[in-house]
Amino acid sequence: RPVSSPTTSSRGVLLSFLAMRRDTTAAKIGGTTPKRKWHKMCIRDSDFTGKELSAIIEISKGVASNDRYVAAIAPPGSEMLAAVADSYLAANKPLVSTTSAAAEILRAYGGKGVIWRTRQSDIAQTELLVRIAKQEGLKRLALISTLDNGGYTFFSWFGFFAKELGYPDDAISISAFAKGEACDLAVQSAVSSAPDIVF
């Protein structure tokens, strides 16, 4: 059953994340080990901003502070994971993210034991992009990236890995644009360098 289900736009995307709840029924009827059940929490949201975003964060923090839940699947993305992770760290409660890959999350929570990710970090993904280009024999590379949590690691590490794999400076083009802005100028900049591939 849903823990909470705030009313939002009916045309929105269905977002769901899970929390594992302690079921004390077994203990009440003489059992010795409480059962654990997954409970799905669904939130309708059109663009994950404003009131809806706050609702998602508050629900997730509520799960962190509620002893009935022993673990949770995180809300989507690195920014939302960062918004709730400290609550789970304080409660020593596992929080599993299936979508976060930002290096900032690894630096902030790596090795602390309760924040888990099922994806490689953006650093590893950036290295893989450049390695594939090198294996394919591509001579000129371009990257277009945002400067938010979802893109900054690519922006920061792409040139480093390209240089490490022997690409000269004039064979590497990196263009960035701010989150929410049109990407036209960044695309024009990347294409003007005549790359063999654009990431």
N, C-alpha and C. Protein backbone atom coordinates (compact mmCIF):
# COMPACT_ATOMS: atom_id res chain seq x y z
N ARG A 1 0.84 -1.17 0.00
CA ARG A 1 0.00 0.00 0.00
C ARG A 1 0.88 1.23 0.00
N PRO A 2 0.48 2.31 -0.64
CA PRO A 2 1.31 3.50 -0.67
C PRO A 2 1.46 4.11 0.73
N VAL A 3 2.68 4.54 1.02
CA VAL A 3 2.92 5.24 2.28
C VAL A 3 2.30 6.62 2.21
N SER A 4 2.45 7.24 1.06
CA SER A 4 1.89 8.56 0.85
C SER A 4 1.63 8.73 -0.62
N SER A 5 0.66 9.50 -0.96
CA SER A 5 0.34 9.71 -2.37
C SER A 5 -0.18 11.12 -2.58
N PRO A 6 0.73 12.11 -2.62
CA PRO A 6 0.28 13.49 -2.80
C PRO A 6 -0.43 13.68 -4.13
N THR A 7 -1.38 14.58 -4.14
CA THR A 7 -2.12 14.87 -5.36
C THR A 7 -1.32 15.86 -6.19
N THR A 8 -1.06 15.48 -7.43
CA THR A 8 -0.37 16.38 -8.35
C THR A 8 -1.03 16.24 -9.71
N SER A 9 -0.42 16.79 -10.70
CA SER A 9 -0.99 16.79 -12.05
C SER A 9 -1.26 15.38 -12.56
N SER A 10 -2.44 15.16 -13.11
CA SER A 10 -2.78 13.84 -13.63
C SER A 10 -2.08 13.56 -14.96
N ARG A 11 -1.53 14.58 -15.60
CA ARG A 11 -0.84 14.35 -16.86
C ARG A 11 0.65 14.06 -16.63
N GLY A 12 1.07 14.03 -15.41
CA GLY A 12 2.47 13.86 -15.09
C GLY A 12 2.98 12.44 -15.26
N VAL A 13 4.25 12.29 -15.09
CA VAL A 13 4.92 11.00 -15.17
C VAL A 13 4.76 10.30 -13.84
N LEU A 14 4.56 9.00 -13.85
CA LEU A 14 4.45 8.26 -12.61
C LEU A 14 5.85 7.95 -12.12
N LEU A 15 6.15 8.40 -10.93
CA LEU A 15 7.43 8.13 -10.30
C LEU A 15 7.17 7.20 -9.14
N SER A 16 7.93 6.17 -9.04
CA SER A 16 7.73 5.28 -7.90
C SER A 16 9.08 4.91 -7.31
N PHE A 17 9.10 4.79 -6.03
CA PHE A 17 10.26 4.25 -5.36
C PHE A 17 9.76 3.39 -4.23
N LEU A 18 10.62 2.56 -3.74
CA LEU A 18 10.19 1.53 -2.80
C LEU A 18 10.85 1.71 -1.45
N ALA A 19 10.15 1.24 -0.44
CA ALA A 19 10.73 1.21 0.90
C ALA A 19 10.42 -0.14 1.50
N MET A 20 11.41 -0.71 2.18
CA MET A 20 11.18 -1.97 2.84
C MET A 20 10.72 -1.69 4.26
N ARG A 21 9.59 -2.27 4.65
CA ARG A 21 8.99 -1.99 5.94
C ARG A 21 9.09 -3.23 6.81
N ARG A 22 9.34 -3.00 8.07
CA ARG A 22 9.29 -4.10 9.02
C ARG A 22 7.82 -4.47 9.21
N ASP A 23 7.51 -5.73 9.10
CA ASP A 23 6.16 -6.22 9.36
C ASP A 23 6.22 -6.99 10.66
N THR A 24 5.65 -6.43 11.69
CA THR A 24 5.75 -7.03 13.01
C THR A 24 4.64 -8.04 13.29
N THR A 25 3.88 -8.40 12.27
CA THR A 25 2.80 -9.37 12.46
C THR A 25 3.32 -10.68 13.03
N ALA A 26 4.45 -11.15 12.52
CA ALA A 26 5.01 -12.43 12.99
C ALA A 26 5.33 -12.37 14.48
N ALA A 27 5.89 -11.25 14.91
CA ALA A 27 6.23 -11.11 16.33
C ALA A 27 4.97 -11.08 17.19
N LYS A 28 3.92 -10.48 16.69
CA LYS A 28 2.68 -10.36 17.47
C LYS A 28 2.00 -11.71 17.66
N ILE A 29 2.17 -12.63 16.71
CA ILE A 29 1.50 -13.92 16.86
C ILE A 29 2.46 -15.01 17.34
N GLY A 30 3.57 -14.60 17.91
CA GLY A 30 4.48 -15.56 18.52
C GLY A 30 5.71 -15.87 17.70
N GLY A 31 5.81 -15.32 16.50
CA GLY A 31 7.01 -15.55 15.69
C GLY A 31 8.20 -14.83 16.30
N THR A 32 9.39 -15.25 15.94
CA THR A 32 10.58 -14.64 16.52
C THR A 32 11.28 -13.67 15.58
N THR A 33 11.08 -13.80 14.28
CA THR A 33 11.74 -12.93 13.33
C THR A 33 10.72 -12.09 12.58
N PRO A 34 10.79 -10.75 12.73
CA PRO A 34 9.86 -9.91 11.98
C PRO A 34 10.08 -10.09 10.48
N LYS A 35 9.01 -10.14 9.71
CA LYS A 35 9.09 -10.23 8.25
C LYS A 35 9.37 -8.85 7.70
N ARG A 36 9.88 -8.83 6.48
CA ARG A 36 10.09 -7.56 5.80
C ARG A 36 9.32 -7.60 4.49
N LYS A 37 8.62 -6.54 4.19
CA LYS A 37 7.84 -6.45 2.96
C LYS A 37 8.20 -5.16 2.24
N TRP A 38 8.20 -5.21 0.91
CA TRP A 38 8.42 -4.01 0.11
C TRP A 38 7.08 -3.31 -0.08
N HIS A 39 7.08 -2.01 0.10
CA HIS A 39 5.89 -1.20 -0.11
C HIS A 39 6.22 -0.15 -1.16
N LYS A 40 5.39 -0.05 -2.17
CA LYS A 40 5.63 0.88 -3.26
C LYS A 40 5.00 2.23 -2.93
N MET A 41 5.77 3.28 -3.13
CA MET A 41 5.26 4.64 -2.96
C MET A 41 5.21 5.28 -4.34
N CYS A 42 4.09 5.79 -4.73
CA CYS A 42 3.93 6.38 -6.06
C CYS A 42 3.62 7.87 -5.94
N ILE A 43 4.27 8.62 -6.78
CA ILE A 43 4.05 10.07 -6.78
C ILE A 43 3.89 10.48 -8.23
N ARG A 44 2.85 11.23 -8.54
CA ARG A 44 2.69 11.76 -9.89
C ARG A 44 3.34 13.14 -9.90
N ASP A 45 4.13 13.35 -10.94
CA ASP A 45 4.85 14.61 -11.03
C ASP A 45 5.06 14.96 -12.50
N SER A 46 4.92 16.21 -12.85
CA SER A 46 5.06 16.58 -14.25
C SER A 46 6.50 16.94 -14.62
N ASP A 47 7.22 17.61 -13.74
CA ASP A 47 8.58 17.99 -14.11
C ASP A 47 9.55 18.00 -12.93
N PHE A 48 9.18 17.41 -11.83
CA PHE A 48 10.04 17.30 -10.67
C PHE A 48 10.58 18.65 -10.20
N THR A 49 9.73 19.66 -10.16
CA THR A 49 10.13 20.96 -9.65
C THR A 49 9.13 21.41 -8.61
N GLY A 50 9.49 22.46 -7.92
CA GLY A 50 8.58 23.11 -6.99
C GLY A 50 8.00 22.21 -5.94
N LYS A 51 6.68 22.30 -5.76
CA LYS A 51 5.98 21.59 -4.71
C LYS A 51 6.12 20.07 -4.84
N GLU A 52 6.08 19.55 -6.06
CA GLU A 52 6.19 18.12 -6.26
C GLU A 52 7.56 17.60 -5.83
N LEU A 53 8.60 18.32 -6.20
CA LEU A 53 9.95 17.94 -5.81
C LEU A 53 10.08 17.93 -4.29
N SER A 54 9.55 18.94 -3.66
CA SER A 54 9.58 19.00 -2.19
C SER A 54 8.83 17.83 -1.58
N ALA A 55 7.72 17.43 -2.18
CA ALA A 55 6.94 16.30 -1.67
C ALA A 55 7.73 15.00 -1.75
N ILE A 56 8.41 14.79 -2.87
CA ILE A 56 9.21 13.59 -3.04
C ILE A 56 10.31 13.53 -1.98
N ILE A 57 10.98 14.65 -1.79
CA ILE A 57 12.07 14.70 -0.81
C ILE A 57 11.54 14.48 0.59
N GLU A 58 10.44 15.10 0.93
CA GLU A 58 9.87 14.94 2.28
C GLU A 58 9.42 13.51 2.55
N ILE A 59 8.81 12.86 1.55
CA ILE A 59 8.39 11.47 1.73
C ILE A 59 9.61 10.59 1.94
N SER A 60 10.63 10.79 1.14
CA SER A 60 11.84 9.98 1.27
C SER A 60 12.50 10.19 2.63
N LYS A 61 12.57 11.42 3.08
CA LYS A 61 13.14 11.70 4.41
C LYS A 61 12.28 11.08 5.50
N GLY A 62 10.97 11.06 5.30
CA GLY A 62 10.07 10.42 6.26
C GLY A 62 10.33 8.93 6.39
N VAL A 63 10.61 8.29 5.26
CA VAL A 63 10.95 6.86 5.29
C VAL A 63 12.25 6.67 6.06
N ALA A 64 13.22 7.55 5.86
CA ALA A 64 14.51 7.44 6.56
C ALA A 64 14.33 7.51 8.07
N SER A 65 13.43 8.34 8.52
CA SER A 65 13.27 8.53 9.97
C SER A 65 12.26 7.57 10.60
N ASN A 66 11.59 6.76 9.79
CA ASN A 66 10.57 5.84 10.30
C ASN A 66 11.18 4.46 10.52
N ASP A 67 11.19 4.01 11.76
CA ASP A 67 11.79 2.72 12.10
C ASP A 67 11.10 1.52 11.47
N ARG A 68 9.89 1.72 10.95
CA ARG A 68 9.20 0.61 10.30
C ARG A 68 9.88 0.21 8.99
N TYR A 69 10.65 1.10 8.41
CA TYR A 69 11.32 0.84 7.13
C TYR A 69 12.80 0.58 7.37
N VAL A 70 13.30 -0.50 6.76
CA VAL A 70 14.70 -0.87 6.96
C VAL A 70 15.59 -0.52 5.77
N ALA A 71 15.00 -0.15 4.63
CA ALA A 71 15.76 0.22 3.44
C ALA A 71 14.82 0.91 2.46
N ALA A 72 15.40 1.59 1.48
CA ALA A 72 14.57 2.25 0.47
C ALA A 72 15.31 2.34 -0.85
N ILE A 73 14.54 2.43 -1.94
CA ILE A 73 15.06 2.76 -3.26
C ILE A 73 14.94 4.28 -3.38
N ALA A 74 16.01 4.92 -3.77
CA ALA A 74 16.07 6.38 -3.80
C ALA A 74 15.21 6.99 -4.88
N PRO A 75 14.79 8.25 -4.67
CA PRO A 75 14.15 9.00 -5.75
C PRO A 75 15.17 9.15 -6.90
N PRO A 76 14.70 9.44 -8.10
CA PRO A 76 15.60 9.43 -9.27
C PRO A 76 16.60 10.57 -9.31
N GLY A 77 17.77 10.27 -9.86
CA GLY A 77 18.78 11.28 -10.15
C GLY A 77 19.71 11.60 -9.01
N SER A 78 20.85 12.15 -9.37
CA SER A 78 21.87 12.48 -8.38
C SER A 78 21.47 13.64 -7.48
N GLU A 79 20.79 14.64 -8.05
CA GLU A 79 20.39 15.79 -7.24
C GLU A 79 19.39 15.39 -6.16
N MET A 80 18.44 14.54 -6.52
CA MET A 80 17.44 14.12 -5.54
C MET A 80 18.07 13.16 -4.52
N LEU A 81 18.99 12.32 -4.96
CA LEU A 81 19.69 11.45 -4.02
C LEU A 81 20.46 12.31 -3.02
N ALA A 82 21.15 13.32 -3.50
CA ALA A 82 21.90 14.20 -2.60
C ALA A 82 20.99 14.91 -1.61
N ALA A 83 19.77 15.21 -2.04
CA ALA A 83 18.83 15.92 -1.16
C ALA A 83 18.35 15.06 0.01
N VAL A 84 18.39 13.74 -0.14
CA VAL A 84 17.86 12.87 0.93
C VAL A 84 18.92 11.99 1.59
N ALA A 85 20.09 11.87 0.99
CA ALA A 85 21.09 10.90 1.46
C ALA A 85 21.51 11.10 2.92
N ASP A 86 21.67 12.33 3.36
CA ASP A 86 22.10 12.57 4.74
C ASP A 86 21.10 12.01 5.75
N SER A 87 19.82 12.03 5.39
CA SER A 87 18.80 11.48 6.29
C SER A 87 19.00 9.98 6.48
N TYR A 88 19.36 9.28 5.41
CA TYR A 88 19.57 7.84 5.49
C TYR A 88 20.90 7.53 6.18
N LEU A 89 21.89 8.36 5.95
CA LEU A 89 23.17 8.20 6.63
C LEU A 89 22.98 8.35 8.14
N ALA A 90 22.24 9.37 8.55
CA ALA A 90 21.98 9.59 9.98
C ALA A 90 21.21 8.44 10.62
N ALA A 91 20.32 7.83 9.84
CA ALA A 91 19.51 6.72 10.35
C ALA A 91 20.21 5.37 10.17
N ASN A 92 21.37 5.38 9.52
CA ASN A 92 22.11 4.15 9.21
C ASN A 92 21.21 3.16 8.47
N LYS A 93 20.47 3.68 7.48
CA LYS A 93 19.48 2.89 6.73
C LYS A 93 19.89 2.86 5.26
N PRO A 94 20.01 1.66 4.65
CA PRO A 94 20.40 1.58 3.25
C PRO A 94 19.45 2.31 2.31
N LEU A 95 20.04 3.04 1.38
CA LEU A 95 19.32 3.76 0.34
C LEU A 95 19.97 3.37 -0.99
N VAL A 96 19.22 2.75 -1.88
CA VAL A 96 19.75 2.25 -3.15
C VAL A 96 19.29 3.15 -4.28
N SER A 97 20.24 3.67 -5.03
CA SER A 97 19.92 4.51 -6.18
C SER A 97 20.18 3.73 -7.45
N THR A 98 19.19 3.72 -8.33
CA THR A 98 19.33 3.05 -9.62
C THR A 98 19.66 4.02 -10.75
N THR A 99 19.68 5.32 -10.45
CA THR A 99 19.89 6.30 -11.51
C THR A 99 21.04 7.26 -11.26
N SER A 100 21.53 7.39 -10.07
CA SER A 100 22.59 8.35 -9.77
C SER A 100 23.95 7.84 -10.24
N ALA A 101 24.71 8.69 -10.90
CA ALA A 101 26.05 8.32 -11.32
C ALA A 101 27.05 9.46 -11.10
N ALA A 102 26.61 10.58 -10.55
CA ALA A 102 27.48 11.75 -10.39
C ALA A 102 28.64 11.45 -9.44
N ALA A 103 29.80 11.94 -9.82
CA ALA A 103 31.00 11.73 -9.01
C ALA A 103 30.86 12.37 -7.63
N GLU A 104 30.09 13.45 -7.54
CA GLU A 104 29.92 14.13 -6.26
C GLU A 104 29.30 13.20 -5.21
N ILE A 105 28.43 12.31 -5.64
CA ILE A 105 27.79 11.36 -4.72
C ILE A 105 28.83 10.39 -4.19
N LEU A 106 29.68 9.90 -5.09
CA LEU A 106 30.74 8.98 -4.67
C LEU A 106 31.68 9.66 -3.68
N ARG A 107 32.07 10.88 -3.95
CA ARG A 107 32.97 11.60 -3.04
C ARG A 107 32.31 11.86 -1.68
N ALA A 108 31.03 12.19 -1.70
CA ALA A 108 30.34 12.53 -0.45
C ALA A 108 29.98 11.30 0.39
N TYR A 109 29.61 10.19 -0.27
CA TYR A 109 29.05 9.06 0.48
C TYR A 109 29.78 7.74 0.29
N GLY A 110 30.79 7.71 -0.57
CA GLY A 110 31.53 6.48 -0.81
C GLY A 110 32.18 5.97 0.47
N GLY A 111 32.06 4.69 0.72
CA GLY A 111 32.68 4.08 1.88
C GLY A 111 31.93 4.24 3.18
N LYS A 112 30.78 4.91 3.14
CA LYS A 112 30.03 5.11 4.38
C LYS A 112 29.01 4.02 4.62
N GLY A 113 28.83 3.13 3.64
CA GLY A 113 28.08 1.90 3.85
C GLY A 113 26.59 1.90 3.64
N VAL A 114 25.91 3.03 3.59
CA VAL A 114 24.45 2.97 3.47
C VAL A 114 23.91 3.51 2.16
N ILE A 115 24.69 4.27 1.41
CA ILE A 115 24.25 4.80 0.13
C ILE A 115 24.85 3.92 -0.96
N TRP A 116 23.97 3.22 -1.67
CA TRP A 116 24.42 2.28 -2.70
C TRP A 116 23.93 2.74 -4.06
N ARG A 117 24.76 2.51 -5.09
CA ARG A 117 24.37 2.81 -6.47
C ARG A 117 24.48 1.55 -7.31
N THR A 118 23.60 1.40 -8.28
CA THR A 118 23.65 0.24 -9.15
C THR A 118 24.27 0.58 -10.50
N ARG A 119 24.76 1.80 -10.66
CA ARG A 119 25.37 2.24 -11.92
C ARG A 119 26.82 2.63 -11.68
N GLN A 120 27.62 2.51 -12.71
CA GLN A 120 28.99 3.01 -12.67
C GLN A 120 28.95 4.53 -12.52
N SER A 121 29.99 5.08 -11.95
CA SER A 121 30.04 6.54 -11.82
C SER A 121 30.22 7.19 -13.18
N ASP A 122 29.92 8.47 -13.24
CA ASP A 122 30.11 9.22 -14.48
C ASP A 122 31.58 9.23 -14.91
N ILE A 123 32.49 9.16 -13.95
CA ILE A 123 33.92 9.12 -14.30
C ILE A 123 34.21 7.87 -15.12
N ALA A 124 33.74 6.72 -14.65
CA ALA A 124 33.95 5.47 -15.38
C ALA A 124 33.27 5.51 -16.74
N GLN A 125 32.08 6.10 -16.81
CA GLN A 125 31.37 6.19 -18.09
C GLN A 125 32.10 7.11 -19.06
N THR A 126 32.67 8.20 -18.54
CA THR A 126 33.43 9.12 -19.38
C THR A 126 34.65 8.42 -19.96
N GLU A 127 35.38 7.70 -19.12
CA GLU A 127 36.54 6.96 -19.59
C GLU A 127 36.14 5.95 -20.67
N LEU A 128 35.04 5.27 -20.48
CA LEU A 128 34.57 4.29 -21.44
C LEU A 128 34.27 4.93 -22.80
N LEU A 129 33.64 6.10 -22.79
CA LEU A 129 33.36 6.80 -24.05
C LEU A 129 34.64 7.04 -24.84
N VAL A 130 35.65 7.54 -24.17
CA VAL A 130 36.91 7.87 -24.84
C VAL A 130 37.62 6.60 -25.29
N ARG A 131 37.60 5.56 -24.46
CA ARG A 131 38.24 4.29 -24.84
C ARG A 131 37.57 3.67 -26.07
N ILE A 132 36.27 3.72 -26.13
CA ILE A 132 35.56 3.19 -27.31
C ILE A 132 35.94 3.97 -28.56
N ALA A 133 36.01 5.29 -28.45
CA ALA A 133 36.41 6.12 -29.59
C ALA A 133 37.82 5.74 -30.05
N LYS A 134 38.71 5.54 -29.11
CA LYS A 134 40.09 5.17 -29.45
C LYS A 134 40.12 3.79 -30.12
N GLN A 135 39.38 2.83 -29.58
CA GLN A 135 39.34 1.48 -30.16
C GLN A 135 38.77 1.50 -31.57
N GLU A 136 37.83 2.40 -31.83
CA GLU A 136 37.23 2.52 -33.16
C GLU A 136 38.10 3.31 -34.13
N GLY A 137 39.23 3.81 -33.65
CA GLY A 137 40.14 4.54 -34.52
C GLY A 137 39.71 5.97 -34.83
N LEU A 138 38.82 6.52 -34.05
CA LEU A 138 38.36 7.89 -34.28
C LEU A 138 39.45 8.88 -33.86
N LYS A 139 39.67 9.88 -34.69
CA LYS A 139 40.78 10.82 -34.49
C LYS A 139 40.39 12.12 -33.79
N ARG A 140 39.13 12.55 -33.97
CA ARG A 140 38.71 13.83 -33.41
C ARG A 140 37.43 13.60 -32.60
N LEU A 141 37.41 14.11 -31.36
CA LEU A 141 36.30 13.87 -30.44
C LEU A 141 35.67 15.19 -30.01
N ALA A 142 34.38 15.15 -29.79
CA ALA A 142 33.68 16.31 -29.22
C ALA A 142 32.70 15.81 -28.16
N LEU A 143 32.56 16.62 -27.14
CA LEU A 143 31.62 16.34 -26.06
C LEU A 143 30.74 17.56 -25.86
N ILE A 144 29.44 17.31 -25.71
CA ILE A 144 28.50 18.37 -25.32
C ILE A 144 27.93 17.95 -23.99
N SER A 145 28.01 18.84 -23.01
CA SER A 145 27.59 18.47 -21.66
C SER A 145 26.95 19.65 -20.93
N THR A 146 26.08 19.30 -19.99
CA THR A 146 25.56 20.32 -19.09
C THR A 146 26.55 20.51 -17.95
N LEU A 147 26.33 21.53 -17.16
CA LEU A 147 27.22 21.80 -16.04
C LEU A 147 26.55 21.51 -14.69
N ASP A 148 25.47 20.73 -14.72
CA ASP A 148 24.81 20.34 -13.47
C ASP A 148 25.40 19.01 -12.98
N ASN A 149 24.81 18.44 -11.92
CA ASN A 149 25.30 17.17 -11.39
C ASN A 149 25.32 16.06 -12.43
N GLY A 150 24.39 16.10 -13.36
CA GLY A 150 24.30 15.06 -14.37
C GLY A 150 25.33 15.16 -15.47
N GLY A 151 25.97 16.30 -15.63
CA GLY A 151 26.90 16.48 -16.73
C GLY A 151 28.28 16.98 -16.36
N TYR A 152 28.42 17.57 -15.19
CA TYR A 152 29.70 18.21 -14.83
C TYR A 152 30.87 17.24 -14.82
N THR A 153 30.66 16.02 -14.37
CA THR A 153 31.75 15.04 -14.32
C THR A 153 32.24 14.75 -15.73
N PHE A 154 31.32 14.61 -16.69
CA PHE A 154 31.73 14.39 -18.08
C PHE A 154 32.55 15.58 -18.56
N PHE A 155 32.08 16.78 -18.28
CA PHE A 155 32.77 18.01 -18.67
C PHE A 155 34.18 18.05 -18.08
N SER A 156 34.30 17.66 -16.81
CA SER A 156 35.58 17.74 -16.10
C SER A 156 36.58 16.67 -16.50
N TRP A 157 36.13 15.47 -16.83
CA TRP A 157 37.02 14.34 -17.04
C TRP A 157 37.25 13.97 -18.50
N PHE A 158 36.43 14.41 -19.41
CA PHE A 158 36.55 14.01 -20.81
C PHE A 158 37.93 14.36 -21.38
N GLY A 159 38.35 15.58 -21.22
CA GLY A 159 39.65 16.02 -21.73
C GLY A 159 40.81 15.26 -21.11
N PHE A 160 40.70 15.00 -19.81
CA PHE A 160 41.75 14.25 -19.11
C PHE A 160 41.93 12.86 -19.74
N PHE A 161 40.84 12.12 -19.89
CA PHE A 161 40.94 10.77 -20.45
C PHE A 161 41.39 10.81 -21.91
N ALA A 162 40.93 11.79 -22.66
CA ALA A 162 41.36 11.91 -24.06
C ALA A 162 42.87 12.14 -24.12
N LYS A 163 43.39 13.01 -23.30
CA LYS A 163 44.85 13.27 -23.25
C LYS A 163 45.61 12.01 -22.81
N GLU A 164 45.08 11.32 -21.81
CA GLU A 164 45.72 10.09 -21.32
C GLU A 164 45.83 9.03 -22.42
N LEU A 165 44.85 9.01 -23.32
CA LEU A 165 44.85 8.02 -24.40
C LEU A 165 45.52 8.54 -25.68
N GLY A 166 46.19 9.70 -25.58
CA GLY A 166 47.03 10.16 -26.67
C GLY A 166 46.40 11.13 -27.66
N TYR A 167 45.22 11.63 -27.38
CA TYR A 167 44.62 12.61 -28.29
C TYR A 167 45.30 13.97 -28.09
N PRO A 168 45.68 14.63 -29.20
CA PRO A 168 46.25 15.98 -29.05
C PRO A 168 45.17 16.99 -28.70
N ASP A 169 45.58 18.12 -28.15
CA ASP A 169 44.64 19.16 -27.73
C ASP A 169 43.69 19.59 -28.85
N ASP A 170 44.22 19.73 -30.06
CA ASP A 170 43.38 20.22 -31.15
C ASP A 170 42.41 19.16 -31.69
N ALA A 171 42.45 17.95 -31.15
CA ALA A 171 41.52 16.89 -31.56
C ALA A 171 40.39 16.69 -30.56
N ILE A 172 40.37 17.56 -29.53
CA ILE A 172 39.38 17.42 -28.45
C ILE A 172 38.57 18.72 -28.37
N SER A 173 37.26 18.60 -28.45
CA SER A 173 36.38 19.75 -28.31
C SER A 173 35.37 19.46 -27.20
N ILE A 174 35.27 20.38 -26.24
CA ILE A 174 34.33 20.21 -25.13
C ILE A 174 33.46 21.47 -25.06
N SER A 175 32.16 21.27 -25.21
CA SER A 175 31.21 22.39 -25.17
C SER A 175 30.21 22.15 -24.05
N ALA A 176 29.87 23.22 -23.35
CA ALA A 176 28.94 23.08 -22.23
C ALA A 176 27.82 24.10 -22.34
N PHE A 177 26.72 23.76 -21.69
CA PHE A 177 25.60 24.69 -21.58
C PHE A 177 24.95 24.48 -20.22
N ALA A 178 24.32 25.52 -19.73
CA ALA A 178 23.69 25.47 -18.40
C ALA A 178 22.38 24.69 -18.47
N LYS A 179 22.04 24.04 -17.38
CA LYS A 179 20.79 23.30 -17.30
C LYS A 179 19.63 24.25 -17.58
N GLY A 180 18.73 23.83 -18.42
CA GLY A 180 17.57 24.65 -18.75
C GLY A 180 17.78 25.58 -19.92
N GLU A 181 19.01 25.73 -20.39
CA GLU A 181 19.29 26.59 -21.54
C GLU A 181 19.23 25.78 -22.82
N ALA A 182 19.04 26.46 -23.92
CA ALA A 182 19.10 25.80 -25.23
C ALA A 182 20.53 25.35 -25.49
N CYS A 183 20.68 24.25 -26.20
CA CYS A 183 22.01 23.70 -26.45
C CYS A 183 22.57 24.10 -27.82
N ASP A 184 21.88 24.98 -28.54
CA ASP A 184 22.27 25.32 -29.90
C ASP A 184 23.73 25.77 -30.03
N LEU A 185 24.17 26.69 -29.18
CA LEU A 185 25.54 27.19 -29.27
C LEU A 185 26.56 26.11 -28.96
N ALA A 186 26.27 25.26 -27.99
CA ALA A 186 27.18 24.17 -27.66
C ALA A 186 27.29 23.18 -28.82
N VAL A 187 26.17 22.90 -29.46
CA VAL A 187 26.17 21.99 -30.62
C VAL A 187 26.97 22.61 -31.77
N GLN A 188 26.74 23.89 -32.04
CA GLN A 188 27.48 24.57 -33.10
C GLN A 188 28.98 24.53 -32.83
N SER A 189 29.35 24.78 -31.58
CA SER A 189 30.77 24.76 -31.21
C SER A 189 31.37 23.38 -31.42
N ALA A 190 30.66 22.35 -30.98
CA ALA A 190 31.16 20.98 -31.13
C ALA A 190 31.31 20.60 -32.59
N VAL A 191 30.31 20.89 -33.39
CA VAL A 191 30.32 20.51 -34.80
C VAL A 191 31.38 21.30 -35.57
N SER A 192 31.63 22.53 -35.17
CA SER A 192 32.62 23.36 -35.88
C SER A 192 34.04 22.81 -35.76
N SER A 193 34.27 21.91 -34.81
CA SER A 193 35.61 21.33 -34.66
C SER A 193 35.80 20.12 -35.57
N ALA A 194 34.81 19.80 -36.41
CA ALA A 194 34.85 18.68 -37.35
C ALA A 194 35.20 17.36 -36.68
N PRO A 195 34.45 16.97 -35.65
CA PRO A 195 34.77 15.73 -34.94
C PRO A 195 34.34 14.50 -35.73
N ASP A 196 34.98 13.39 -35.43
CA ASP A 196 34.55 12.10 -35.98
C ASP A 196 33.35 11.56 -35.21
N ILE A 197 33.21 12.01 -33.98
CA ILE A 197 32.08 11.60 -33.13
C ILE A 197 31.79 12.71 -32.14
N VAL A 198 30.51 12.86 -31.80
CA VAL A 198 30.09 13.81 -30.78
C VAL A 198 29.39 13.02 -29.68
N PHE A 199 29.84 13.17 -28.47
CA PHE A 199 29.20 12.56 -27.30
C PHE A 199 28.37 13.61 -26.60
